[in-house]
Amino acid sequence: MTTFFHRSMIETHVLRLLCRGHREQVQGGMIGWQFDDPRDLLRQIDLLQGYMNGLYVQLELSAATGKRVSQEVTQLIKCSLQ
């Protein structure tokens, strides 16, 4: 579980560096991050996925391995944005 949390936090930080946004207070005194433009966020995710797919080709990964890794990264991004 720690590894998942750590990787999820890395994904969130990368997206926060790539996309404009701001901190905002959420319930219980917690601080959250709100992306200013969801379309920019989607463009950056698509761009990162494209680079990742190019890397799969360069590393000559099988289609099954590439698909599995892509699904895992997608899941991490979804969890990071909840």
Protein backbone atom coordinates (compact mmCIF):
# COMPACT_ATOMS: atom_id res chain seq x y z
CA MET A 1 0.00 0.00 0.00
CA THR A 2 2.86 2.40 0.73
CA THR A 3 4.26 1.92 -2.78
CA PHE A 4 0.87 2.66 -4.33
CA PHE A 5 0.47 5.79 -2.21
CA HIS A 6 3.99 6.96 -3.05
CA ARG A 7 3.54 6.41 -6.80
CA SER A 8 0.14 8.07 -6.68
CA MET A 9 1.65 11.13 -5.00
CA ILE A 10 4.40 11.32 -7.65
CA GLU A 11 1.76 11.28 -10.42
CA THR A 12 -0.13 14.08 -8.69
CA HIS A 13 3.00 16.21 -8.27
CA VAL A 14 3.97 15.78 -11.93
CA LEU A 15 0.51 16.86 -13.05
CA ARG A 16 0.59 19.82 -10.67
CA LEU A 17 3.90 20.93 -12.16
CA LEU A 18 2.59 20.63 -15.72
CA CYS A 19 -0.84 22.21 -15.24
CA ARG A 20 -1.93 25.44 -13.64
CA GLY A 21 -4.03 25.23 -10.53
CA HIS A 22 -4.38 26.40 -6.98
CA ARG A 23 -4.68 25.10 -3.44
CA GLU A 24 -8.06 25.19 -1.83
CA GLN A 25 -9.41 24.23 1.53
CA VAL A 26 -11.58 21.14 1.64
CA GLN A 27 -13.55 19.76 4.55
CA GLY A 28 -11.91 19.12 7.90
CA GLY A 29 -9.22 21.74 7.40
CA MET A 30 -7.52 19.64 4.71
CA ILE A 31 -5.89 21.34 1.73
CA GLY A 32 -6.55 20.07 -1.80
CA TRP A 33 -5.45 21.00 -5.30
CA GLN A 34 -7.84 22.29 -7.95
CA PHE A 35 -6.68 22.32 -11.57
CA ASP A 36 -7.68 25.54 -13.31
CA ASP A 37 -8.37 24.02 -16.74
CA PRO A 38 -9.51 20.38 -16.97
CA ARG A 39 -8.85 20.45 -20.74
CA ASP A 40 -5.20 21.31 -20.09
CA LEU A 41 -5.00 18.44 -17.63
CA LEU A 42 -6.40 16.03 -20.24
CA ARG A 43 -3.96 17.34 -22.89
CA GLN A 44 -1.02 16.76 -20.55
CA ILE A 45 -2.19 13.26 -19.67
CA ASP A 46 -2.55 12.45 -23.40
CA LEU A 47 0.93 13.83 -24.06
CA LEU A 48 2.44 11.78 -21.24
CA GLN A 49 0.64 8.65 -22.51
CA GLY A 50 2.07 9.29 -25.99
CA TYR A 51 5.61 9.53 -24.63
CA MET A 52 5.04 6.41 -22.59
CA ASN A 53 3.86 4.51 -25.69
CA GLY A 54 6.95 5.67 -27.58
CA LEU A 55 9.10 4.36 -24.76
CA TYR A 56 7.38 0.97 -24.99
CA VAL A 57 8.33 0.79 -28.67
CA GLN A 58 11.95 1.75 -27.97
CA LEU A 59 12.20 -0.83 -25.19
CA GLU A 60 10.53 -3.43 -27.43
CA LEU A 61 7.99 -4.34 -24.78
CA SER A 62 5.28 -6.78 -25.73
CA ALA A 63 1.83 -5.36 -26.39
CA ALA A 64 0.49 -7.17 -23.33
CA THR A 65 3.14 -5.64 -21.06
CA GLY A 66 2.60 -2.17 -22.52
CA LYS A 67 -1.16 -2.48 -22.03
CA ARG A 68 -0.75 -3.65 -18.44
CA VAL A 69 1.59 -0.76 -17.58
CA SER A 70 -0.72 1.76 -19.30
CA GLN A 71 -3.69 0.46 -17.30
CA GLU A 72 -1.72 0.75 -14.06
CA VAL A 73 -0.64 4.33 -14.81
CA THR A 74 -4.20 5.25 -15.75
CA GLN A 75 -5.45 3.82 -12.45
CA LEU A 76 -2.80 5.77 -10.54
CA ILE A 77 -3.84 9.00 -12.24
CA LYS A 78 -7.51 8.35 -11.46
CA CYS A 79 -6.72 7.68 -7.81
CA SER A 80 -4.52 10.77 -7.64
CA LEU A 81 -7.35 12.98 -8.85
CA GLN A 82 -9.98 11.72 -6.40
